[in-house]
All heavy atoms as atom14 arrays in JSON, in Angstrom:
{
  "sequence": "VVAVPVHYRQAEFDHLWVTDPSTVEVFSQSFRQSA",
  "atom14_mask": [
    [1, 1, 1, 1, 1, 1, 1, 0, 0, 0, 0, 0, 0, 0],
    [1, 1, 1, 1, 1, 1, 1, 0, 0, 0, 0, 0, 0, 0],
    [1, 1, 1, 1, 1, 0, 0, 0, 0, 0, 0, 0, 0, 0],
    [1, 1, 1, 1, 1, 1, 1, 0, 0, 0, 0, 0, 0, 0],
    [1, 1, 1, 1, 1, 1, 1, 0, 0, 0, 0, 0, 0, 0],
    [1, 1, 1, 1, 1, 1, 1, 0, 0, 0, 0, 0, 0, 0],
    [1, 1, 1, 1, 1, 1, 1, 1, 1, 1, 0, 0, 0, 0],
    [1, 1, 1, 1, 1, 1, 1, 1, 1, 1, 1, 1, 0, 0],
    [1, 1, 1, 1, 1, 1, 1, 1, 1, 1, 1, 0, 0, 0],
    [1, 1, 1, 1, 1, 1, 1, 1, 1, 0, 0, 0, 0, 0],
    [1, 1, 1, 1, 1, 0, 0, 0, 0, 0, 0, 0, 0, 0],
    [1, 1, 1, 1, 1, 1, 1, 1, 1, 0, 0, 0, 0, 0],
    [1, 1, 1, 1, 1, 1, 1, 1, 1, 1, 1, 0, 0, 0],
    [1, 1, 1, 1, 1, 1, 1, 1, 0, 0, 0, 0, 0, 0],
    [1, 1, 1, 1, 1, 1, 1, 1, 1, 1, 0, 0, 0, 0],
    [1, 1, 1, 1, 1, 1, 1, 1, 0, 0, 0, 0, 0, 0],
    [1, 1, 1, 1, 1, 1, 1, 1, 1, 1, 1, 1, 1, 1],
    [1, 1, 1, 1, 1, 1, 1, 0, 0, 0, 0, 0, 0, 0],
    [1, 1, 1, 1, 1, 1, 1, 0, 0, 0, 0, 0, 0, 0],
    [1, 1, 1, 1, 1, 1, 1, 1, 0, 0, 0, 0, 0, 0],
    [1, 1, 1, 1, 1, 1, 1, 0, 0, 0, 0, 0, 0, 0],
    [1, 1, 1, 1, 1, 1, 0, 0, 0, 0, 0, 0, 0, 0],
    [1, 1, 1, 1, 1, 1, 1, 0, 0, 0, 0, 0, 0, 0],
    [1, 1, 1, 1, 1, 1, 1, 0, 0, 0, 0, 0, 0, 0],
    [1, 1, 1, 1, 1, 1, 1, 1, 1, 0, 0, 0, 0, 0],
    [1, 1, 1, 1, 1, 1, 1, 0, 0, 0, 0, 0, 0, 0],
    [1, 1, 1, 1, 1, 1, 1, 1, 1, 1, 1, 0, 0, 0],
    [1, 1, 1, 1, 1, 1, 0, 0, 0, 0, 0, 0, 0, 0],
    [1, 1, 1, 1, 1, 1, 1, 1, 1, 0, 0, 0, 0, 0],
    [1, 1, 1, 1, 1, 1, 0, 0, 0, 0, 0, 0, 0, 0],
    [1, 1, 1, 1, 1, 1, 1, 1, 1, 1, 1, 0, 0, 0],
    [1, 1, 1, 1, 1, 1, 1, 1, 1, 1, 1, 0, 0, 0],
    [1, 1, 1, 1, 1, 1, 1, 1, 1, 0, 0, 0, 0, 0],
    [1, 1, 1, 1, 1, 1, 0, 0, 0, 0, 0, 0, 0, 0],
    [1, 1, 1, 1, 1, 0, 0, 0, 0, 0, 0, 0, 0, 0]
  ],
  "atom14_positions": [
    [[10.41, 37.2, 31.2], [9.45, 38.26, 31.03], [9.69, 39.45, 32.03], [8.94, 40.39, 32.0], [7.99, 37.74, 31.21], [7.67, 36.78, 30.18], [7.85, 37.19, 32.54], [0.0, 0.0, 0.0], [0.0, 0.0, 0.0], [0.0, 0.0, 0.0], [0.0, 0.0, 0.0], [0.0, 0.0, 0.0], [0.0, 0.0, 0.0], [0.0, 0.0, 0.0]],
    [[10.75, 39.4, 32.82], [11.12, 40.46, 33.66], [11.66, 41.67, 32.88], [12.55, 41.46, 32.01], [12.14, 40.04, 34.74], [12.66, 41.3, 35.51], [11.57, 39.06, 35.71], [0.0, 0.0, 0.0], [0.0, 0.0, 0.0], [0.0, 0.0, 0.0], [0.0, 0.0, 0.0], [0.0, 0.0, 0.0], [0.0, 0.0, 0.0], [0.0, 0.0, 0.0]],
    [[11.01, 42.79, 33.06], [11.37, 43.9, 32.27], [12.21, 44.96, 33.06], [12.94, 45.83, 32.39], [10.09, 44.59, 31.64], [0.0, 0.0, 0.0], [0.0, 0.0, 0.0], [0.0, 0.0, 0.0], [0.0, 0.0, 0.0], [0.0, 0.0, 0.0], [0.0, 0.0, 0.0], [0.0, 0.0, 0.0], [0.0, 0.0, 0.0], [0.0, 0.0, 0.0]],
    [[12.11, 45.03, 34.32], [12.84, 46.06, 35.15], [14.31, 45.72, 35.22], [14.7, 44.55, 35.08], [12.14, 46.16, 36.54], [10.82, 46.64, 36.56], [12.33, 44.8, 37.27], [0.0, 0.0, 0.0], [0.0, 0.0, 0.0], [0.0, 0.0, 0.0], [0.0, 0.0, 0.0], [0.0, 0.0, 0.0], [0.0, 0.0, 0.0], [0.0, 0.0, 0.0]],
    [[15.12, 46.68, 35.62], [16.48, 46.43, 35.77], [16.81, 45.45, 36.98], [16.04, 45.32, 37.95], [17.09, 47.73, 36.22], [16.09, 48.78, 35.61], [14.78, 48.13, 35.74], [0.0, 0.0, 0.0], [0.0, 0.0, 0.0], [0.0, 0.0, 0.0], [0.0, 0.0, 0.0], [0.0, 0.0, 0.0], [0.0, 0.0, 0.0], [0.0, 0.0, 0.0]],
    [[17.79, 44.54, 36.84], [18.12, 43.52, 37.76], [19.57, 43.65, 38.27], [20.5, 43.73, 37.39], [17.93, 42.12, 37.15], [18.3, 41.09, 38.14], [16.43, 41.96, 36.68], [0.0, 0.0, 0.0], [0.0, 0.0, 0.0], [0.0, 0.0, 0.0], [0.0, 0.0, 0.0], [0.0, 0.0, 0.0], [0.0, 0.0, 0.0], [0.0, 0.0, 0.0]],
    [[19.82, 43.67, 39.55], [21.09, 43.58, 40.14], [21.26, 42.26, 40.79], [20.3, 41.82, 41.47], [21.32, 44.65, 41.23], [22.63, 44.77, 41.83], [23.03, 44.05, 42.9], [23.7, 45.61, 41.52], [24.34, 44.27, 43.21], [24.71, 45.26, 42.37], [0.0, 0.0, 0.0], [0.0, 0.0, 0.0], [0.0, 0.0, 0.0], [0.0, 0.0, 0.0]],
    [[22.29, 41.5, 40.45], [22.37, 40.08, 40.84], [23.89, 39.84, 41.34], [24.79, 40.12, 40.64], [22.13, 39.15, 39.72], [22.34, 37.71, 39.95], [21.62, 37.07, 41.01], [23.18, 37.0, 39.19], [21.85, 35.72, 41.3], [23.37, 35.51, 39.41], [22.68, 34.99, 40.51], [22.86, 33.59, 40.71], [0.0, 0.0, 0.0], [0.0, 0.0, 0.0]],
    [[23.87, 39.31, 42.56], [25.19, 38.96, 43.15], [25.1, 37.57, 43.74], [24.21, 37.26, 44.45], [25.68, 39.99, 44.22], [26.02, 41.26, 43.69], [27.28, 41.27, 42.79], [27.67, 42.56, 42.3], [27.24, 43.12, 41.19], [26.39, 42.5, 40.44], [27.68, 44.36, 40.87], [0.0, 0.0, 0.0], [0.0, 0.0, 0.0], [0.0, 0.0, 0.0]],
    [[26.11, 36.8, 43.53], [26.27, 35.49, 44.19], [27.56, 35.47, 44.96], [28.6, 36.19, 44.57], [26.35, 34.37, 43.24], [24.97, 33.89, 42.7], [24.18, 33.32, 43.82], [23.51, 34.0, 44.66], [24.15, 31.95, 43.93], [0.0, 0.0, 0.0], [0.0, 0.0, 0.0], [0.0, 0.0, 0.0], [0.0, 0.0, 0.0], [0.0, 0.0, 0.0]],
    [[27.64, 34.84, 46.16], [28.78, 34.88, 46.99], [29.8, 33.81, 46.41], [29.44, 32.74, 45.95], [28.39, 34.5, 48.4], [0.0, 0.0, 0.0], [0.0, 0.0, 0.0], [0.0, 0.0, 0.0], [0.0, 0.0, 0.0], [0.0, 0.0, 0.0], [0.0, 0.0, 0.0], [0.0, 0.0, 0.0], [0.0, 0.0, 0.0], [0.0, 0.0, 0.0]],
    [[31.11, 34.16, 46.6], [32.16, 33.17, 46.16], [32.03, 31.84, 46.86], [32.26, 30.79, 46.22], [33.46, 33.79, 46.43], [34.67, 32.94, 45.98], [35.99, 33.62, 46.47], [36.01, 34.65, 47.15], [37.05, 33.06, 46.05], [0.0, 0.0, 0.0], [0.0, 0.0, 0.0], [0.0, 0.0, 0.0], [0.0, 0.0, 0.0], [0.0, 0.0, 0.0]],
    [[31.67, 31.84, 48.1], [31.61, 30.6, 48.9], [30.18, 30.25, 49.27], [29.9, 29.88, 50.4], [32.45, 30.79, 50.2], [33.89, 31.14, 49.88], [34.33, 32.39, 50.22], [34.77, 30.28, 49.34], [35.71, 32.77, 49.98], [36.09, 30.58, 49.12], [36.52, 31.85, 49.45], [0.0, 0.0, 0.0], [0.0, 0.0, 0.0], [0.0, 0.0, 0.0]],
    [[29.28, 30.41, 48.2], [27.91, 29.99, 48.6], [27.78, 28.44, 48.5], [28.1, 27.75, 47.61], [26.96, 30.5, 47.43], [25.56, 30.52, 47.76], [25.1, 29.44, 48.25], [24.83, 31.49, 47.72], [0.0, 0.0, 0.0], [0.0, 0.0, 0.0], [0.0, 0.0, 0.0], [0.0, 0.0, 0.0], [0.0, 0.0, 0.0], [0.0, 0.0, 0.0]],
    [[27.45, 27.84, 49.68], [27.31, 26.41, 49.74], [25.9, 25.91, 49.36], [25.71, 24.62, 49.36], [27.53, 26.0, 51.23], [28.91, 26.41, 51.69], [30.07, 25.96, 51.06], [29.24, 27.14, 52.73], [31.12, 26.51, 51.71], [30.66, 27.22, 52.72], [0.0, 0.0, 0.0], [0.0, 0.0, 0.0], [0.0, 0.0, 0.0], [0.0, 0.0, 0.0]],
    [[24.94, 26.73, 49.07], [23.62, 26.3, 48.65], [23.43, 26.3, 47.21], [22.38, 25.75, 46.75], [22.55, 27.25, 49.48], [22.58, 27.16, 50.91], [21.52, 28.09, 51.48], [22.3, 25.78, 51.38], [0.0, 0.0, 0.0], [0.0, 0.0, 0.0], [0.0, 0.0, 0.0], [0.0, 0.0, 0.0], [0.0, 0.0, 0.0], [0.0, 0.0, 0.0]],
    [[24.22, 27.06, 46.44], [24.08, 27.08, 45.01], [25.5, 26.89, 44.39], [26.49, 27.4, 44.87], [23.55, 28.41, 44.51], [22.17, 28.64, 45.12], [21.84, 29.44, 46.21], [20.91, 28.12, 44.73], [20.43, 29.32, 46.38], [19.83, 28.62, 45.49], [20.58, 27.19, 43.6], [18.54, 28.26, 45.32], [19.25, 26.83, 43.41], [18.33, 27.35, 44.29]],
    [[25.48, 26.25, 43.2], [26.74, 26.17, 42.48], [27.03, 27.56, 41.91], [26.22, 28.12, 41.15], [26.67, 25.14, 41.34], [27.92, 25.14, 40.47], [26.44, 23.72, 41.92], [0.0, 0.0, 0.0], [0.0, 0.0, 0.0], [0.0, 0.0, 0.0], [0.0, 0.0, 0.0], [0.0, 0.0, 0.0], [0.0, 0.0, 0.0], [0.0, 0.0, 0.0]],
    [[28.19, 28.08, 42.3], [28.49, 29.47, 41.89], [29.85, 29.54, 41.25], [30.87, 29.15, 41.78], [28.53, 30.4, 43.15], [27.25, 30.35, 43.76], [28.92, 31.81, 42.75], [0.0, 0.0, 0.0], [0.0, 0.0, 0.0], [0.0, 0.0, 0.0], [0.0, 0.0, 0.0], [0.0, 0.0, 0.0], [0.0, 0.0, 0.0], [0.0, 0.0, 0.0]],
    [[29.87, 29.99, 39.99], [31.11, 30.29, 39.23], [30.68, 31.19, 38.17], [29.53, 31.57, 37.89], [31.66, 28.94, 38.78], [30.77, 28.19, 37.81], [30.04, 28.72, 36.98], [30.73, 26.95, 37.91], [0.0, 0.0, 0.0], [0.0, 0.0, 0.0], [0.0, 0.0, 0.0], [0.0, 0.0, 0.0], [0.0, 0.0, 0.0], [0.0, 0.0, 0.0]],
    [[31.66, 31.75, 37.41], [31.36, 32.86, 36.39], [30.38, 32.29, 35.37], [29.49, 33.06, 34.91], [32.71, 33.06, 35.71], [33.75, 32.8, 36.86], [33.14, 31.67, 37.68], [0.0, 0.0, 0.0], [0.0, 0.0, 0.0], [0.0, 0.0, 0.0], [0.0, 0.0, 0.0], [0.0, 0.0, 0.0], [0.0, 0.0, 0.0], [0.0, 0.0, 0.0]],
    [[30.4, 30.99, 35.06], [29.55, 30.53, 33.96], [28.06, 30.46, 34.41], [27.18, 30.8, 33.72], [30.03, 29.11, 33.48], [29.91, 28.14, 34.46], [0.0, 0.0, 0.0], [0.0, 0.0, 0.0], [0.0, 0.0, 0.0], [0.0, 0.0, 0.0], [0.0, 0.0, 0.0], [0.0, 0.0, 0.0], [0.0, 0.0, 0.0], [0.0, 0.0, 0.0]],
    [[27.86, 29.99, 35.7], [26.46, 29.96, 36.21], [25.87, 31.33, 36.43], [24.75, 31.5, 36.18], [26.45, 29.16, 37.56], [27.27, 29.82, 38.51], [26.98, 27.77, 37.32], [0.0, 0.0, 0.0], [0.0, 0.0, 0.0], [0.0, 0.0, 0.0], [0.0, 0.0, 0.0], [0.0, 0.0, 0.0], [0.0, 0.0, 0.0], [0.0, 0.0, 0.0]],
    [[26.75, 32.35, 36.82], [26.23, 33.64, 36.97], [25.86, 34.18, 35.64], [24.88, 34.96, 35.51], [27.34, 34.5, 37.72], [26.91, 35.94, 37.65], [27.42, 34.02, 39.18], [0.0, 0.0, 0.0], [0.0, 0.0, 0.0], [0.0, 0.0, 0.0], [0.0, 0.0, 0.0], [0.0, 0.0, 0.0], [0.0, 0.0, 0.0], [0.0, 0.0, 0.0]],
    [[26.66, 33.97, 34.56], [26.45, 34.41, 33.29], [25.1, 33.81, 32.68], [24.39, 34.55, 32.16], [27.7, 34.04, 32.34], [27.48, 34.57, 30.9], [27.58, 36.04, 30.8], [27.95, 36.75, 31.66], [27.19, 36.58, 29.69], [0.0, 0.0, 0.0], [0.0, 0.0, 0.0], [0.0, 0.0, 0.0], [0.0, 0.0, 0.0], [0.0, 0.0, 0.0]],
    [[24.98, 32.51, 32.85], [23.76, 31.94, 32.41], [22.52, 32.5, 33.06], [21.49, 32.84, 32.41], [23.86, 30.41, 32.48], [22.44, 29.71, 32.24], [24.86, 29.79, 31.63], [0.0, 0.0, 0.0], [0.0, 0.0, 0.0], [0.0, 0.0, 0.0], [0.0, 0.0, 0.0], [0.0, 0.0, 0.0], [0.0, 0.0, 0.0], [0.0, 0.0, 0.0]],
    [[22.62, 32.66, 34.4], [21.52, 33.21, 35.2], [21.21, 34.59, 34.67], [19.97, 34.95, 34.39], [21.85, 33.25, 36.67], [20.8, 33.47, 37.57], [20.07, 32.43, 38.21], [20.4, 34.82, 37.9], [19.07, 32.72, 39.11], [19.36, 35.06, 38.81], [18.67, 34.03, 39.34], [0.0, 0.0, 0.0], [0.0, 0.0, 0.0], [0.0, 0.0, 0.0]],
    [[22.14, 35.44, 34.56], [21.92, 36.86, 34.16], [21.39, 36.98, 32.67], [20.46, 37.75, 32.38], [23.21, 37.68, 34.2], [24.2, 37.32, 33.3], [0.0, 0.0, 0.0], [0.0, 0.0, 0.0], [0.0, 0.0, 0.0], [0.0, 0.0, 0.0], [0.0, 0.0, 0.0], [0.0, 0.0, 0.0], [0.0, 0.0, 0.0], [0.0, 0.0, 0.0]],
    [[21.84, 36.06, 31.86], [21.32, 36.07, 30.48], [19.86, 35.64, 30.26], [19.23, 35.86, 29.31], [22.21, 35.28, 29.51], [23.65, 35.88, 29.28], [24.4, 34.98, 28.35], [24.13, 33.84, 28.05], [25.47, 35.51, 27.95], [0.0, 0.0, 0.0], [0.0, 0.0, 0.0], [0.0, 0.0, 0.0], [0.0, 0.0, 0.0], [0.0, 0.0, 0.0]],
    [[19.37, 35.03, 31.35], [17.87, 34.64, 31.33], [16.98, 35.78, 31.39], [15.87, 35.59, 30.91], [17.65, 33.71, 32.52], [18.49, 32.55, 32.51], [0.0, 0.0, 0.0], [0.0, 0.0, 0.0], [0.0, 0.0, 0.0], [0.0, 0.0, 0.0], [0.0, 0.0, 0.0], [0.0, 0.0, 0.0], [0.0, 0.0, 0.0], [0.0, 0.0, 0.0]],
    [[17.39, 36.96, 31.79], [16.65, 38.18, 31.81], [16.62, 38.83, 30.48], [17.28, 39.88, 30.25], [17.06, 39.04, 32.92], [16.91, 38.46, 34.29], [17.95, 37.88, 34.89], [15.7, 38.49, 35.03], [17.92, 37.21, 36.14], [15.52, 37.91, 36.22], [16.65, 37.3, 36.84], [0.0, 0.0, 0.0], [0.0, 0.0, 0.0], [0.0, 0.0, 0.0]],
    [[15.94, 38.2, 29.53], [16.07, 38.66, 28.15], [15.49, 40.06, 27.82], [15.84, 40.79, 26.95], [15.42, 37.73, 27.16], [15.92, 36.24, 27.3], [15.09, 35.28, 26.47], [15.42, 33.87, 26.88], [14.75, 32.83, 26.42], [13.73, 33.07, 25.57], [15.11, 31.6, 26.77], [0.0, 0.0, 0.0], [0.0, 0.0, 0.0], [0.0, 0.0, 0.0]],
    [[14.41, 40.4, 28.66], [13.73, 41.72, 28.4], [14.04, 42.75, 29.39], [13.49, 43.86, 29.31], [12.28, 41.44, 28.36], [11.74, 40.52, 27.31], [10.25, 40.48, 27.16], [9.51, 41.42, 27.21], [9.66, 39.22, 27.12], [0.0, 0.0, 0.0], [0.0, 0.0, 0.0], [0.0, 0.0, 0.0], [0.0, 0.0, 0.0], [0.0, 0.0, 0.0]],
    [[14.95, 42.4, 30.35], [15.25, 43.36, 31.48], [15.96, 44.6, 30.79], [16.77, 44.54, 29.9], [16.14, 42.75, 32.46], [16.64, 43.75, 33.4], [0.0, 0.0, 0.0], [0.0, 0.0, 0.0], [0.0, 0.0, 0.0], [0.0, 0.0, 0.0], [0.0, 0.0, 0.0], [0.0, 0.0, 0.0], [0.0, 0.0, 0.0], [0.0, 0.0, 0.0]],
    [[15.6, 45.8, 31.29], [16.27, 47.0, 30.79], [17.69, 47.07, 31.08], [18.49, 47.68, 30.31], [15.53, 48.2, 31.58], [0.0, 0.0, 0.0], [0.0, 0.0, 0.0], [0.0, 0.0, 0.0], [0.0, 0.0, 0.0], [0.0, 0.0, 0.0], [0.0, 0.0, 0.0], [0.0, 0.0, 0.0], [0.0, 0.0, 0.0], [0.0, 0.0, 0.0]]
  ]
}
């Protein structure tokens, strides 16, 4: 339901979250209504 623009960055060596191109893509696609 977020409608405003979203800038999202994850660190290559983030030890608190699983970070790879697929997880970043899934996360970003969750903002279905974002401008």
